[in-house]
Protein backbone atom coordinates (compact mmCIF):
# COMPACT_ATOMS: atom_id res chain seq x y z
CA MET A 1 30.28 -21.59 14.56
CA ALA A 2 27.13 -19.47 14.66
CA THR A 3 25.28 -18.91 11.45
CA LYS A 4 24.88 -15.35 10.19
CA SER A 5 21.54 -13.83 9.37
CA ARG A 6 20.79 -12.36 5.95
CA SER A 7 21.14 -8.83 7.30
CA ASP A 8 24.54 -9.72 8.84
CA MET A 9 25.70 -11.06 5.48
CA ARG A 10 24.52 -7.90 3.70
CA VAL A 11 26.41 -5.71 6.17
CA HIS A 12 29.54 -7.85 5.63
CA ARG A 13 29.17 -7.46 1.82
CA HIS A 14 28.77 -3.68 2.31
CA GLU A 15 31.89 -3.47 4.43
CA ARG A 16 33.82 -5.36 1.77
CA ILE A 17 32.58 -3.01 -0.98
CA ARG A 18 33.35 0.14 1.10
CA LYS A 19 36.99 -0.89 1.49
CA THR A 20 37.63 0.22 -2.09
CA LEU A 21 34.79 2.65 -2.79
CA THR A 22 34.91 6.23 -1.49
CA GLY A 23 33.23 9.44 -2.53
CA THR A 24 35.26 12.57 -3.14
CA ALA A 25 34.26 16.19 -3.67
CA ALA A 26 34.68 15.76 -7.44
CA ARG A 27 32.89 12.41 -7.56
CA PRO A 28 30.69 11.75 -4.46
CA ARG A 29 29.17 8.39 -3.50
CA LEU A 30 25.55 7.54 -4.27
CA ALA A 31 24.60 5.25 -1.36
CA VAL A 32 21.45 3.14 -1.52
CA TYR A 33 19.57 1.53 1.41
CA LYS A 34 16.50 -0.63 0.92
CA SER A 35 14.19 -1.86 3.61
CA GLN A 36 10.98 -3.92 3.38
CA LYS A 37 8.82 -0.82 3.04
CA HIS A 38 11.08 1.97 1.70
CA ILE A 39 14.14 2.84 -0.32
CA ASN A 40 16.59 5.68 0.44
CA ALA A 41 19.38 7.26 -1.51
CA GLN A 42 22.05 9.76 -0.46
CA ILE A 43 24.88 11.48 -2.31
CA ILE A 44 27.77 11.67 0.14
CA ASP A 45 31.14 13.44 0.07
CA ASP A 46 33.24 11.09 2.23
CA THR A 47 36.30 13.38 2.44
CA ALA A 48 34.24 16.12 4.12
CA GLY A 49 31.79 13.69 5.77
CA HIS A 50 28.69 15.51 4.49
CA THR A 51 25.48 14.39 2.76
CA LEU A 52 25.03 16.62 -0.25
CA VAL A 53 21.63 15.38 -1.46
CA ALA A 54 19.09 12.86 -0.23
CA ALA A 55 15.85 11.30 -1.45
CA SER A 56 13.55 8.74 0.07
CA SER A 57 10.35 6.92 -0.69
CA MET A 58 9.06 8.19 2.69
CA GLU A 59 8.79 11.79 1.39
CA LYS A 60 5.17 12.87 0.94
CA ASP A 61 5.82 14.78 -2.32
CA LEU A 62 7.31 11.71 -4.06
CA LYS A 63 4.43 9.38 -3.09
CA ALA A 64 6.66 6.39 -3.93
CA LYS A 65 6.32 2.85 -2.66
CA ALA A 66 9.00 0.22 -2.04
CA ASN A 67 8.58 -1.34 -5.47
CA ALA A 68 10.39 -0.91 -8.80
CA GLU A 69 8.25 2.11 -9.80
CA GLY A 70 8.88 3.83 -6.46
CA ALA A 71 12.61 3.15 -6.67
CA LYS A 72 12.72 4.68 -10.15
CA ALA A 73 10.90 7.78 -8.83
CA VAL A 74 13.45 8.07 -5.98
CA GLY A 75 16.27 7.70 -8.52
CA LYS A 76 14.85 10.51 -10.69
CA ALA A 77 14.40 12.72 -7.68
CA ILE A 78 18.00 12.22 -6.46
CA GLY A 79 19.27 12.82 -10.00
CA GLU A 80 17.39 16.13 -10.30
CA ARG A 81 18.44 17.30 -6.84
CA ALA A 82 22.03 16.39 -7.63
CA LYS A 83 21.99 18.50 -10.77
CA LYS A 84 20.69 21.46 -8.75
CA ALA A 85 23.54 20.91 -6.26
CA GLY A 86 26.11 20.86 -9.10
CA VAL A 87 26.85 17.12 -9.00
CA THR A 88 27.04 15.40 -12.39
CA SER A 89 29.17 12.29 -11.76
CA VAL A 90 28.93 9.86 -8.83
CA VAL A 91 30.25 6.47 -7.64
CA PHE A 92 27.40 3.96 -7.09
CA ASP A 93 27.33 2.19 -3.72
CA ARG A 94 24.70 -0.54 -3.77
CA GLY A 95 25.04 -1.06 0.00
CA GLY A 96 25.54 -4.81 -0.12
CA PHE A 97 22.28 -5.33 -1.99
CA ARG A 98 22.23 -7.17 -5.31
CA TYR A 99 22.18 -4.90 -8.37
CA HIS A 100 18.74 -6.20 -9.23
CA GLY A 101 15.10 -5.08 -8.95
CA CYS A 102 14.66 -1.92 -6.88
CA VAL A 103 18.38 -1.10 -6.69
CA ALA A 104 18.77 -1.37 -10.46
CA LYS A 105 15.64 0.70 -11.08
CA LEU A 106 16.87 3.44 -8.74
CA ALA A 107 20.17 3.54 -10.70
CA GLU A 108 18.25 3.61 -13.99
CA GLY A 109 16.10 6.54 -12.77
CA ALA A 110 19.20 8.45 -11.60
CA ARG A 111 20.85 7.92 -14.98
CA GLU A 112 17.73 9.16 -16.79
CA ALA A 113 17.85 12.31 -14.66
CA GLY A 114 21.40 12.99 -15.85
CA LEU A 115 23.76 11.41 -13.29
CA GLU A 116 26.74 9.62 -14.70
CA PHE A 117 28.18 6.44 -13.14
C-alpha cells in the first residue's frame, strides 16, 4: 500500500468534511485555503455555485503575510466585504486544515468584523 502525502491527507479530510457541510443562499460557506506563503478565504453559495465575496493575502491593499497577523487581516477584510454584500451568517469550512494558528486567527478576524458562525 502506498503512503499518502500530507497534502493528500488534507484533501481527504476536506472531502470528508464537505460531505456534510454545504453553503446555502441564507447561510453561505466560508472556505479557507492556506498555502506556505498565502491564505485565501471565499464566501460561497453552493446551491447557485457562485463566489459571493473573496479575500486573499495576495491583495496589494491588504499587505498581509502568511502569518497569524496576516490571516487576521484577511478575516477582517472578508467580514467587512460580506457585510457589504448582505451576508451576516456563514458556515465555516476549514478546508481540511486544523483549526489552529492561521485558520483560527482568520476565523477570529471574521467574527470581529461581524460574521456569525
